[in-house]
Amino acid sequence: MGLFYTASPKEMTDIRKKIFLEAGLPALEKQGFVRSPFSTDWFGWYPNTGYSYQLCRLTEGSVLESVSVDIIRGDCWIQVHLNIFKLQPHIASLEQLANLDGLKFHLPPNSISSMRLRSDDVVGPPILDYHYMFRNHKIGSYYTKRGLARNGERLREIIGSDLADIDYFVKRWHQKHRVVATTWEGAPIPG
């Protein structure tokens, strides 16, 4: 028996998945996000990679706000990406997108405006911003099983509070990017 504890890649993936499903997903659902209706979007296990969850909500003016959460095997992060599009022609509800191919929303040029929370939205040197320096979506270093559990609880609090306040990140997204008009399947509309 060693002095230090090292979690297996499967255990680390399962811990992060549980954190997202128990703290992050309910927080997003309270903000009006639902499972993406597109036929190409994942919601759960992604073969040989980890877990991927795609959610979206429709806001006033036919604006689609999309959140992608990736929990990759062999990694310590819960990666949360936000992207926003204006759908044309006007759409009344997400049900109208059911079973459409939404792959183009995840490919360039649409993916260029995707913003990773707590990473891509930093303004200025992060070392000067305590809020960003110590509140990332990662299970940090640990040496014992108890330390891993403590870091997991810290990550649970951060994910829960960040996703409960997703509108803060939507405002940050708008400060950095311009909303692109697309068709319902993600093809950019010039103009």
Protein backbone atom coordinates (compact mmCIF):
# COMPACT_ATOMS: atom_id res chain seq x y z
CA MET A 1 0.00 0.00 0.00
CA GLY A 2 1.45 3.36 -1.07
CA LEU A 3 1.56 6.53 0.91
CA PHE A 4 -0.28 8.52 -1.74
CA TYR A 5 -3.64 7.86 -3.38
CA THR A 6 -4.08 8.00 -7.16
CA ALA A 7 -7.57 7.66 -8.61
CA SER A 8 -7.98 5.64 -11.80
CA PRO A 9 -9.06 7.45 -14.98
CA LYS A 10 -12.47 5.72 -14.71
CA GLU A 11 -12.93 6.89 -11.11
CA MET A 12 -11.98 10.48 -12.03
CA THR A 13 -14.42 10.43 -14.96
CA ASP A 14 -17.21 9.02 -12.77
CA ILE A 15 -16.61 11.63 -10.04
CA ARG A 16 -16.84 14.52 -12.50
CA LYS A 17 -19.90 13.02 -14.24
CA LYS A 18 -21.66 12.68 -10.89
CA ILE A 19 -20.78 16.27 -9.96
CA PHE A 20 -22.22 17.58 -13.22
CA LEU A 21 -25.39 15.47 -13.06
CA GLU A 22 -26.08 16.36 -9.41
CA ALA A 23 -25.04 20.03 -9.34
CA GLY A 24 -24.58 21.38 -12.88
CA LEU A 25 -27.47 19.87 -14.83
CA PRO A 26 -30.17 20.89 -12.32
CA ALA A 27 -28.70 24.42 -12.22
CA LEU A 28 -28.90 24.70 -16.01
CA GLU A 29 -32.43 23.27 -16.08
CA LYS A 30 -33.54 25.92 -13.57
CA GLN A 31 -32.21 28.53 -16.02
CA GLY A 32 -34.38 27.12 -18.82
CA PHE A 33 -31.86 24.86 -20.56
CA VAL A 34 -33.07 21.52 -21.95
CA ARG A 35 -31.47 18.63 -23.76
CA SER A 36 -30.59 19.69 -27.29
CA PRO A 37 -33.22 18.53 -29.81
CA PHE A 38 -30.69 18.07 -32.64
CA SER A 39 -30.21 14.48 -33.79
CA THR A 40 -26.41 14.80 -33.86
CA ASP A 41 -25.97 16.13 -30.31
CA TRP A 42 -24.81 13.83 -27.51
CA PHE A 43 -26.28 13.49 -24.06
CA GLY A 44 -24.34 10.95 -22.05
CA TRP A 45 -21.54 8.50 -22.79
CA TYR A 46 -19.43 9.31 -25.84
CA PRO A 47 -17.61 6.12 -26.94
CA ASN A 48 -13.93 5.87 -25.94
CA THR A 49 -13.82 9.51 -24.84
CA GLY A 50 -16.00 10.19 -21.80
CA TYR A 51 -19.26 12.05 -21.42
CA SER A 52 -20.74 14.85 -23.48
CA TYR A 53 -23.92 16.78 -22.72
CA GLN A 54 -25.43 19.34 -25.06
CA LEU A 55 -28.16 21.61 -23.81
CA CYS A 56 -29.78 24.73 -25.19
CA ARG A 57 -32.47 27.31 -24.58
CA LEU A 58 -34.36 29.65 -26.84
CA THR A 59 -34.55 33.29 -25.80
CA GLU A 60 -36.40 36.31 -27.12
CA GLY A 61 -35.76 37.15 -30.74
CA SER A 62 -35.17 33.55 -31.86
CA VAL A 63 -31.75 33.42 -30.15
CA LEU A 64 -30.36 29.94 -29.45
CA GLU A 65 -28.02 29.71 -26.44
CA SER A 66 -26.08 26.45 -26.51
CA VAL A 67 -24.09 24.90 -23.66
CA SER A 68 -21.80 21.91 -24.26
CA VAL A 69 -20.32 20.03 -21.30
CA ASP A 70 -17.45 17.62 -21.90
CA ILE A 71 -16.05 15.25 -19.27
CA ILE A 72 -13.10 13.61 -20.98
CA ARG A 73 -11.52 10.42 -19.70
CA GLY A 74 -7.94 10.97 -18.51
CA ASP A 75 -8.57 14.66 -17.77
CA CYS A 76 -9.34 16.57 -14.54
CA TRP A 77 -11.67 19.19 -16.03
CA ILE A 78 -15.37 19.64 -16.56
CA GLN A 79 -15.25 21.65 -19.77
CA VAL A 80 -18.24 23.95 -20.24
CA HIS A 81 -18.59 25.80 -23.56
CA LEU A 82 -21.15 28.47 -24.43
CA ASN A 83 -22.14 29.62 -27.90
CA ILE A 84 -25.00 31.80 -29.12
CA PHE A 85 -26.78 32.02 -32.50
CA LYS A 86 -29.71 33.90 -34.00
CA LEU A 87 -31.90 31.45 -35.88
CA GLN A 88 -33.56 32.47 -39.13
CA PRO A 89 -36.32 32.18 -40.07
CA HIS A 90 -37.85 32.99 -36.69
CA ILE A 91 -38.48 29.98 -34.48
CA ALA A 92 -41.25 29.73 -31.88
CA SER A 93 -40.02 26.74 -29.86
CA LEU A 94 -37.16 24.25 -29.63
CA GLU A 95 -39.51 21.43 -30.70
CA GLN A 96 -39.28 22.80 -34.25
CA LEU A 97 -35.59 21.74 -34.25
CA ALA A 98 -36.35 18.14 -33.29
CA ASN A 99 -34.38 15.60 -35.31
CA LEU A 100 -32.59 18.23 -37.45
CA ASP A 101 -28.84 17.83 -38.01
CA GLY A 102 -27.09 20.38 -35.78
CA LEU A 103 -23.50 19.37 -36.54
CA LYS A 104 -22.71 22.69 -38.26
CA PHE A 105 -23.19 24.49 -34.91
CA HIS A 106 -20.07 22.66 -33.64
CA LEU A 107 -17.84 23.22 -36.71
CA PRO A 108 -16.06 26.32 -38.03
CA PRO A 109 -17.02 29.05 -38.67
CA ASN A 110 -19.71 28.68 -35.97
CA SER A 111 -17.39 27.07 -33.41
CA ILE A 112 -14.99 30.03 -33.52
CA SER A 113 -17.28 31.99 -31.18
CA SER A 114 -17.54 29.14 -28.66
CA MET A 115 -16.41 30.38 -25.23
CA ARG A 116 -15.09 28.01 -22.56
CA LEU A 117 -16.29 29.15 -19.14
CA ARG A 118 -13.56 30.12 -16.67
CA SER A 119 -10.96 30.00 -19.42
CA ASP A 120 -11.86 31.95 -22.56
CA ASP A 121 -13.78 34.71 -20.80
CA VAL A 122 -10.86 36.05 -18.74
CA VAL A 123 -10.22 39.76 -19.25
CA GLY A 124 -6.72 40.82 -18.30
CA PRO A 125 -4.12 38.82 -16.39
CA PRO A 126 -5.92 36.07 -14.43
CA ILE A 127 -3.34 36.24 -11.65
CA LEU A 128 -4.87 39.60 -10.66
CA ASP A 129 -8.38 38.19 -10.60
CA TYR A 130 -8.94 35.92 -7.58
CA HIS A 131 -12.37 34.98 -8.91
CA TYR A 132 -10.74 33.28 -11.90
CA MET A 133 -7.47 32.17 -10.43
CA PHE A 134 -8.95 29.77 -7.89
CA ARG A 135 -12.42 29.02 -9.24
CA ASN A 136 -11.77 26.82 -12.24
CA HIS A 137 -13.72 23.73 -13.29
CA LYS A 138 -11.01 21.25 -12.36
CA ILE A 139 -10.30 18.70 -9.67
CA GLY A 140 -7.02 20.04 -8.36
CA SER A 141 -4.02 18.25 -6.88
CA TYR A 142 -4.62 15.75 -4.10
CA TYR A 143 -2.49 13.28 -2.19
CA THR A 144 -5.10 11.27 -0.30
CA LYS A 145 -8.56 9.90 -0.92
CA ARG A 146 -9.88 12.49 1.53
CA GLY A 147 -8.13 15.24 -0.45
CA LEU A 148 -9.77 13.99 -3.63
CA ALA A 149 -13.16 14.07 -1.93
CA ARG A 150 -12.51 17.61 -0.66
CA ASN A 151 -11.53 18.79 -4.14
CA GLY A 152 -14.61 17.09 -5.57
CA GLU A 153 -16.84 19.02 -3.16
CA ARG A 154 -15.11 22.28 -4.08
CA LEU A 155 -15.68 21.51 -7.77
CA ARG A 156 -19.35 20.68 -7.05
CA GLU A 157 -19.84 24.12 -5.43
CA ILE A 158 -18.12 25.96 -8.29
CA ILE A 159 -20.00 24.10 -11.05
CA GLY A 160 -23.32 24.54 -9.25
CA SER A 161 -22.86 28.27 -8.64
CA ASP A 162 -21.42 29.04 -12.10
CA LEU A 163 -24.16 27.22 -13.99
CA ALA A 164 -26.86 28.68 -11.74
CA ASP A 165 -25.51 32.09 -12.82
CA ILE A 166 -25.10 31.23 -16.51
CA ASP A 167 -26.50 34.63 -17.49
CA TYR A 168 -23.29 36.21 -16.16
CA PHE A 169 -21.33 34.17 -18.71
CA VAL A 170 -23.85 34.99 -21.44
CA LYS A 171 -23.09 38.69 -20.81
CA ARG A 172 -19.35 37.93 -20.97
CA TRP A 173 -19.91 36.09 -24.25
CA HIS A 174 -21.67 39.15 -25.71
CA GLN A 175 -18.71 41.34 -24.66
CA LYS A 176 -16.34 39.19 -26.73
CA HIS A 177 -18.44 38.02 -29.69
CA ARG A 178 -21.14 39.06 -32.11
CA VAL A 179 -24.22 36.88 -32.57
CA VAL A 180 -24.15 35.16 -35.96
CA ALA A 181 -27.36 34.52 -37.89
CA THR A 182 -27.76 30.90 -39.01
CA THR A 183 -30.36 28.62 -40.47
CA TRP A 184 -32.04 26.12 -38.18
CA GLU A 185 -29.32 23.58 -39.06
CA GLY A 186 -26.43 25.97 -38.40
CA ALA A 187 -25.54 27.18 -41.89
CA PRO A 188 -24.33 30.82 -41.55
CA ILE A 189 -26.48 33.45 -43.24
CA PRO A 190 -24.41 36.23 -44.84
CA GLY A 191 -25.27 39.75 -43.91
